[in-house]
Amino acid sequence: MSSARLARGCLGLVQASDEQRLSRLRKMVTKNIGMLYFQLPASEDPRSVLYGRIGGPQEFDRMTEDF
């Protein structure tokens, strides 16, 4: 999995901080583990780490790290 696109902020104009990029990567890995290993379904809740309709890296910022 690539974390290259997680470095951009809103509309790709602003660089995300190192802390923000690490948080986004952690959430993406958590989501993939939850869905692929534990076979959990995608969520409709944008605050859930299992949210299924991620449109850009800034959407990871709204998520919590909980299933």
PDB file of N, CA and C in Angstrom:
ATOM      1  N   MET A   1       0.844  -1.162   0.000  1.00  0.00           N
ATOM      2  CA  MET A   1       0.000   0.000   0.000  1.00  0.00           C
ATOM      3  C   MET A   1       0.889   1.224   0.000  1.00  0.00           C
ATOM      4  N   SER A   2       0.520   2.209  -0.762  1.00  0.00           N
ATOM      5  CA  SER A   2       1.316   3.420  -0.901  1.00  0.00           C
ATOM      6  C   SER A   2       0.756   4.541  -0.041  1.00  0.00           C
ATOM      7  N   SER A   3       1.660   5.285   0.567  1.00  0.00           N
ATOM      8  CA  SER A   3       1.248   6.418   1.393  1.00  0.00           C
ATOM      9  C   SER A   3       1.550   7.745   0.690  1.00  0.00           C
ATOM     10  N   ALA A   4       1.960   7.698  -0.560  1.00  0.00           N
ATOM     11  CA  ALA A   4       2.377   8.901  -1.285  1.00  0.00           C
ATOM     12  C   ALA A   4       1.283   9.967  -1.352  1.00  0.00           C
ATOM     13  N   ARG A   5       0.056   9.578  -1.601  1.00  0.00           N
ATOM     14  CA  ARG A   5      -1.025  10.568  -1.732  1.00  0.00           C
ATOM     15  C   ARG A   5      -1.517  11.096  -0.396  1.00  0.00           C
ATOM     16  N   LEU A   6      -1.073  10.515   0.698  1.00  0.00           N
ATOM     17  CA  LEU A   6      -1.512  10.960   2.019  1.00  0.00           C
ATOM     18  C   LEU A   6      -0.799  12.231   2.466  1.00  0.00           C
ATOM     19  N   ALA A   7       0.202  12.664   1.731  1.00  0.00           N
ATOM     20  CA  ALA A   7       1.010  13.816   2.120  1.00  0.00           C
ATOM     21  C   ALA A   7       0.343  15.148   1.817  1.00  0.00           C
ATOM     22  N   ARG A   8      -0.690  15.137   1.007  1.00  0.00           N
ATOM     23  CA  ARG A   8      -1.331  16.396   0.601  1.00  0.00           C
ATOM     24  C   ARG A   8      -2.523  16.722   1.497  1.00  0.00           C
ATOM     25  N   GLY A   9      -2.752  18.005   1.663  1.00  0.00           N
ATOM     26  CA  GLY A   9      -3.894  18.467   2.437  1.00  0.00           C
ATOM     27  C   GLY A   9      -5.067  18.774   1.531  1.00  0.00           C
ATOM     28  N   CYS A  10      -5.870  19.717   1.932  1.00  0.00           N
ATOM     29  CA  CYS A  10      -7.086  20.088   1.218  1.00  0.00           C
ATOM     30  C   CYS A  10      -6.781  20.495  -0.226  1.00  0.00           C
ATOM     31  N   LEU A  11      -7.446  19.877  -1.164  1.00  0.00           N
ATOM     32  CA  LEU A  11      -7.316  20.128  -2.597  1.00  0.00           C
ATOM     33  C   LEU A  11      -5.907  19.912  -3.123  1.00  0.00           C
ATOM     34  N   GLY A  12      -5.058  19.262  -2.351  1.00  0.00           N
ATOM     35  CA  GLY A  12      -3.705  18.975  -2.785  1.00  0.00           C
ATOM     36  C   GLY A  12      -2.779  20.169  -2.795  1.00  0.00           C
ATOM     37  N   LEU A  13      -3.210  21.277  -2.203  1.00  0.00           N
ATOM     38  CA  LEU A  13      -2.420  22.507  -2.239  1.00  0.00           C
ATOM     39  C   LEU A  13      -1.450  22.651  -1.072  1.00  0.00           C
ATOM     40  N   VAL A  14      -1.777  22.066   0.056  1.00  0.00           N
ATOM     41  CA  VAL A  14      -0.985  22.242   1.271  1.00  0.00           C
ATOM     42  C   VAL A  14      -0.412  20.898   1.695  1.00  0.00           C
ATOM     43  N   GLN A  15       0.838  20.900   2.119  1.00  0.00           N
ATOM     44  CA  GLN A  15       1.452  19.677   2.618  1.00  0.00           C
ATOM     45  C   GLN A  15       0.915  19.358   4.011  1.00  0.00           C
ATOM     46  N   ALA A  16       0.644  18.097   4.266  1.00  0.00           N
ATOM     47  CA  ALA A  16       0.211  17.649   5.586  1.00  0.00           C
ATOM     48  C   ALA A  16       1.450  17.524   6.475  1.00  0.00           C
ATOM     49  N   SER A  17       1.251  17.693   7.770  1.00  0.00           N
ATOM     50  CA  SER A  17       2.361  17.556   8.714  1.00  0.00           C
ATOM     51  C   SER A  17       2.764  16.087   8.819  1.00  0.00           C
ATOM     52  N   ASP A  18       3.938  15.838   9.370  1.00  0.00           N
ATOM     53  CA  ASP A  18       4.398  14.462   9.564  1.00  0.00           C
ATOM     54  C   ASP A  18       3.439  13.694  10.464  1.00  0.00           C
ATOM     55  N   GLU A  19       2.952  14.350  11.501  1.00  0.00           N
ATOM     56  CA  GLU A  19       1.999  13.719  12.422  1.00  0.00           C
ATOM     57  C   GLU A  19       0.703  13.355  11.707  1.00  0.00           C
ATOM     58  N   GLN A  20       0.229  14.241  10.860  1.00  0.00           N
ATOM     59  CA  GLN A  20      -1.003  14.011  10.099  1.00  0.00           C
ATOM     60  C   GLN A  20      -0.826  12.852   9.110  1.00  0.00           C
ATOM     61  N   ARG A  21       0.310  12.801   8.432  1.00  0.00           N
ATOM     62  CA  ARG A  21       0.573  11.714   7.485  1.00  0.00           C
ATOM     63  C   ARG A  21       0.660  10.371   8.195  1.00  0.00           C
ATOM     64  N   LEU A  22       1.299  10.330   9.361  1.00  0.00           N
ATOM     65  CA  LEU A  22       1.410   9.096  10.122  1.00  0.00           C
ATOM     66  C   LEU A  22       0.035   8.630  10.597  1.00  0.00           C
ATOM     67  N   SER A  23      -0.790   9.566  11.045  1.00  0.00           N
ATOM     68  CA  SER A  23      -2.150   9.234  11.481  1.00  0.00           C
ATOM     69  C   SER A  23      -2.970   8.679  10.315  1.00  0.00           C
ATOM     70  N   ARG A  24      -2.873   9.301   9.150  1.00  0.00           N
ATOM     71  CA  ARG A  24      -3.599   8.829   7.959  1.00  0.00           C
ATOM     72  C   ARG A  24      -3.147   7.429   7.569  1.00  0.00           C
ATOM     73  N   LEU A  25      -1.839   7.186   7.602  1.00  0.00           N
ATOM     74  CA  LEU A  25      -1.312   5.872   7.253  1.00  0.00           C
ATOM     75  C   LEU A  25      -1.795   4.811   8.242  1.00  0.00           C
ATOM     76  N   ARG A  26      -1.778   5.149   9.529  1.00  0.00           N
ATOM     77  CA  ARG A  26      -2.245   4.216  10.560  1.00  0.00           C
ATOM     78  C   ARG A  26      -3.714   3.855  10.336  1.00  0.00           C
ATOM     79  N   LYS A  27      -4.526   4.831   9.988  1.00  0.00           N
ATOM     80  CA  LYS A  27      -5.950   4.580   9.737  1.00  0.00           C
ATOM     81  C   LYS A  27      -6.154   3.731   8.485  1.00  0.00           C
ATOM     82  N   MET A  28      -5.357   3.980   7.441  1.00  0.00           N
ATOM     83  CA  MET A  28      -5.485   3.200   6.217  1.00  0.00           C
ATOM     84  C   MET A  28      -5.091   1.739   6.464  1.00  0.00           C
ATOM     85  N   VAL A  29      -4.025   1.521   7.227  1.00  0.00           N
ATOM     86  CA  VAL A  29      -3.597   0.161   7.545  1.00  0.00           C
ATOM     87  C   VAL A  29      -4.645  -0.529   8.412  1.00  0.00           C
ATOM     88  N   THR A  30      -5.181   0.195   9.401  1.00  0.00           N
ATOM     89  CA  THR A  30      -6.219  -0.363  10.275  1.00  0.00           C
ATOM     90  C   THR A  30      -7.438  -0.765   9.461  1.00  0.00           C
ATOM     91  N   LYS A  31      -7.848   0.086   8.528  1.00  0.00           N
ATOM     92  CA  LYS A  31      -9.007  -0.220   7.678  1.00  0.00           C
ATOM     93  C   LYS A  31      -8.765  -1.486   6.864  1.00  0.00           C
ATOM     94  N   ASN A  32      -7.592  -1.579   6.247  1.00  0.00           N
ATOM     95  CA  ASN A  32      -7.292  -2.756   5.429  1.00  0.00           C
ATOM     96  C   ASN A  32      -7.223  -4.028   6.258  1.00  0.00           C
ATOM     97  N   ILE A  33      -6.650  -3.970   7.433  1.00  0.00           N
ATOM     98  CA  ILE A  33      -6.609  -5.147   8.308  1.00  0.00           C
ATOM     99  C   ILE A  33      -8.029  -5.553   8.707  1.00  0.00           C
ATOM    100  N   GLY A  34      -8.832  -4.567   9.086  1.00  0.00           N
ATOM    101  CA  GLY A  34     -10.208  -4.850   9.491  1.00  0.00           C
ATOM    102  C   GLY A  34     -11.031  -5.489   8.385  1.00  0.00           C
ATOM    103  N   MET A  35     -10.875  -4.989   7.169  1.00  0.00           N
ATOM    104  CA  MET A  35     -11.684  -5.487   6.062  1.00  0.00           C
ATOM    105  C   MET A  35     -11.123  -6.777   5.456  1.00  0.00           C
ATOM    106  N   LEU A  36      -9.808  -6.863   5.321  1.00  0.00           N
ATOM    107  CA  LEU A  36      -9.214  -8.025   4.660  1.00  0.00           C
ATOM    108  C   LEU A  36      -9.006  -9.213   5.599  1.00  0.00           C
ATOM    109  N   TYR A  37      -8.506  -8.961   6.793  1.00  0.00           N
ATOM    110  CA  TYR A  37      -8.225 -10.068   7.706  1.00  0.00           C
ATOM    111  C   TYR A  37      -9.455 -10.464   8.522  1.00  0.00           C
ATOM    112  N   PHE A  38     -10.110  -9.444   9.124  1.00  0.00           N
ATOM    113  CA  PHE A  38     -11.268  -9.730   9.975  1.00  0.00           C
ATOM    114  C   PHE A  38     -12.579  -9.777   9.200  1.00  0.00           C
ATOM    115  N   GLN A  39     -12.533  -9.460   7.902  1.00  0.00           N
ATOM    116  CA  GLN A  39     -13.687  -9.488   7.014  1.00  0.00           C
ATOM    117  C   GLN A  39     -14.857  -8.633   7.525  1.00  0.00           C
ATOM    118  N   LEU A  40     -14.522  -7.466   8.059  1.00  0.00           N
ATOM    119  CA  LEU A  40     -15.541  -6.534   8.519  1.00  0.00           C
ATOM    120  C   LEU A  40     -16.096  -5.773   7.319  1.00  0.00           C
ATOM    121  N   PRO A  41     -17.379  -5.438   7.340  1.00  0.00           N
ATOM    122  CA  PRO A  41     -17.963  -4.707   6.208  1.00  0.00           C
ATOM    123  C   PRO A  41     -17.594  -3.227   6.245  1.00  0.00           C
ATOM    124  N   ALA A  42     -17.657  -2.586   5.099  1.00  0.00           N
ATOM    125  CA  ALA A  42     -17.451  -1.139   5.027  1.00  0.00           C
ATOM    126  C   ALA A  42     -18.581  -0.436   5.765  1.00  0.00           C
ATOM    127  N   SER A  43     -18.270   0.726   6.294  1.00  0.00           N
ATOM    128  CA  SER A  43     -19.238   1.491   7.074  1.00  0.00           C
ATOM    129  C   SER A  43     -19.709   2.709   6.286  1.00  0.00           C
ATOM    130  N   GLU A  44     -20.907   3.162   6.599  1.00  0.00           N
ATOM    131  CA  GLU A  44     -21.443   4.399   6.017  1.00  0.00           C
ATOM    132  C   GLU A  44     -21.138   5.607   6.908  1.00  0.00           C
ATOM    133  N   ASP A  45     -20.587   5.359   8.090  1.00  0.00           N
ATOM    134  CA  ASP A  45     -20.277   6.415   9.057  1.00  0.00           C
ATOM    135  C   ASP A  45     -18.915   7.026   8.732  1.00  0.00           C
ATOM    136  N   PRO A  46     -18.854   8.308   8.354  1.00  0.00           N
ATOM    137  CA  PRO A  46     -17.575   8.920   7.986  1.00  0.00           C
ATOM    138  C   PRO A  46     -16.585   9.030   9.146  1.00  0.00           C
ATOM    139  N   ARG A  47     -17.032   8.820  10.380  1.00  0.00           N
ATOM    140  CA  ARG A  47     -16.133   8.851  11.537  1.00  0.00           C
ATOM    141  C   ARG A  47     -15.483   7.489  11.792  1.00  0.00           C
ATOM    142  N   SER A  48     -15.999   6.435  11.172  1.00  0.00           N
ATOM    143  CA  SER A  48     -15.469   5.091  11.362  1.00  0.00           C
ATOM    144  C   SER A  48     -14.251   4.859  10.481  1.00  0.00           C
ATOM    145  N   VAL A  49     -13.266   4.150  11.013  1.00  0.00           N
ATOM    146  CA  VAL A  49     -12.085   3.820  10.225  1.00  0.00           C
ATOM    147  C   VAL A  49     -12.441   2.873   9.073  1.00  0.00           C
ATOM    148  N   LEU A  50     -13.602   2.271   9.114  1.00  0.00           N
ATOM    149  CA  LEU A  50     -14.061   1.371   8.053  1.00  0.00           C
ATOM    150  C   LEU A  50     -14.925   2.083   7.001  1.00  0.00           C
ATOM    151  N   TYR A  51     -14.947   3.410   7.041  1.00  0.00           N
ATOM    152  CA  TYR A  51     -15.740   4.183   6.090  1.00  0.00           C
ATOM    153  C   TYR A  51     -15.368   3.783   4.664  1.00  0.00           C
ATOM    154  N   GLY A  52     -16.369   3.500   3.844  1.00  0.00           N
ATOM    155  CA  GLY A  52     -16.134   2.944   2.528  1.00  0.00           C
ATOM    156  C   GLY A  52     -16.006   3.925   1.386  1.00  0.00           C
ATOM    157  N   ARG A  53     -16.332   5.184   1.586  1.00  0.00           N
ATOM    158  CA  ARG A  53     -16.342   6.145   0.470  1.00  0.00           C
ATOM    159  C   ARG A  53     -15.300   7.248   0.671  1.00  0.00           C
ATOM    160  N   ILE A  54     -14.056   6.872   0.711  1.00  0.00           N
ATOM    161  CA  ILE A  54     -12.995   7.847   0.913  1.00  0.00           C
ATOM    162  C   ILE A  54     -12.701   8.520  -0.422  1.00  0.00           C
ATOM    163  N   GLY A  55     -12.879   9.828  -0.460  1.00  0.00           N
ATOM    164  CA  GLY A  55     -12.687  10.572  -1.694  1.00  0.00           C
ATOM    165  C   GLY A  55     -11.336  11.263  -1.792  1.00  0.00           C
ATOM    166  N   GLY A  56     -10.632  11.365  -0.687  1.00  0.00           N
ATOM    167  CA  GLY A  56      -9.324  12.018  -0.682  1.00  0.00           C
ATOM    168  C   GLY A  56      -8.661  11.861   0.672  1.00  0.00           C
ATOM    169  N   PRO A  57      -7.397  12.211   0.763  1.00  0.00           N
ATOM    170  CA  PRO A  57      -6.661  11.998   2.004  1.00  0.00           C
ATOM    171  C   PRO A  57      -7.201  12.785   3.197  1.00  0.00           C
ATOM    172  N   GLN A  58      -7.825  13.929   2.952  1.00  0.00           N
ATOM    173  CA  GLN A  58      -8.356  14.732   4.055  1.00  0.00           C
ATOM    174  C   GLN A  58      -9.509  14.031   4.776  1.00  0.00           C
ATOM    175  N   GLU A  59     -10.132  13.063   4.142  1.00  0.00           N
ATOM    176  CA  GLU A  59     -11.227  12.330   4.794  1.00  0.00           C
ATOM    177  C   GLU A  59     -10.718  11.433   5.912  1.00  0.00           C
ATOM    178  N   PHE A  60      -9.447  11.041   5.856  1.00  0.00           N
ATOM    179  CA  PHE A  60      -8.865  10.261   6.942  1.00  0.00           C
ATOM    180  C   PHE A  60      -8.794  11.096   8.218  1.00  0.00           C
ATOM    181  N   ASP A  61      -8.707  12.421   8.076  1.00  0.00           N
ATOM    182  CA  ASP A  61      -8.600  13.297   9.243  1.00  0.00           C
ATOM    183  C   ASP A  61      -9.875  13.311  10.077  1.00  0.00           C
ATOM    184  N   ARG A  62     -11.017  13.070   9.464  1.00  0.00           N
ATOM    185  CA  ARG A  62     -12.290  13.044  10.195  1.00  0.00           C
ATOM    186  C   ARG A  62     -12.527  11.729  10.918  1.00  0.00           C
ATOM    187  N   MET A  63     -11.835  10.688  10.482  1.00  0.00           N
ATOM    188  CA  MET A  63     -12.042   9.353  11.051  1.00  0.00           C
ATOM    189  C   MET A  63     -11.406   9.227  12.437  1.00  0.00           C
ATOM    190  N   THR A  64     -12.018   8.362  13.238  1.00  0.00           N
ATOM    191  CA  THR A  64     -11.359   7.938  14.474  1.00  0.00           C
ATOM    192  C   THR A  64     -10.600   6.658  14.138  1.00  0.00           C
ATOM    193  N   GLU A  65      -9.825   6.143  15.056  1.00  0.00           N
ATOM    194  CA  GLU A  65      -9.092   4.911  14.799  1.00  0.00           C
ATOM    195  C   GLU A  65      -9.848   3.687  15.289  1.00  0.00           C
ATOM    196  N   ASP A  66     -11.126   3.848  15.569  1.00  0.00           N
ATOM    197  CA  ASP A  66     -11.959   2.748  16.072  1.00  0.00           C
ATOM    198  C   ASP A  66     -12.768   2.134  14.941  1.00  0.00           C
ATOM    199  N   PHE A  67     -13.081   0.851  15.120  1.00  0.00           N
ATOM    200  CA  PHE A  67     -13.973   0.170  14.183  1.00  0.00           C
ATOM    201  C   PHE A  67     -15.369   0.649  14.469  1.00  0.00           C
TER     202      PHE A  67
END
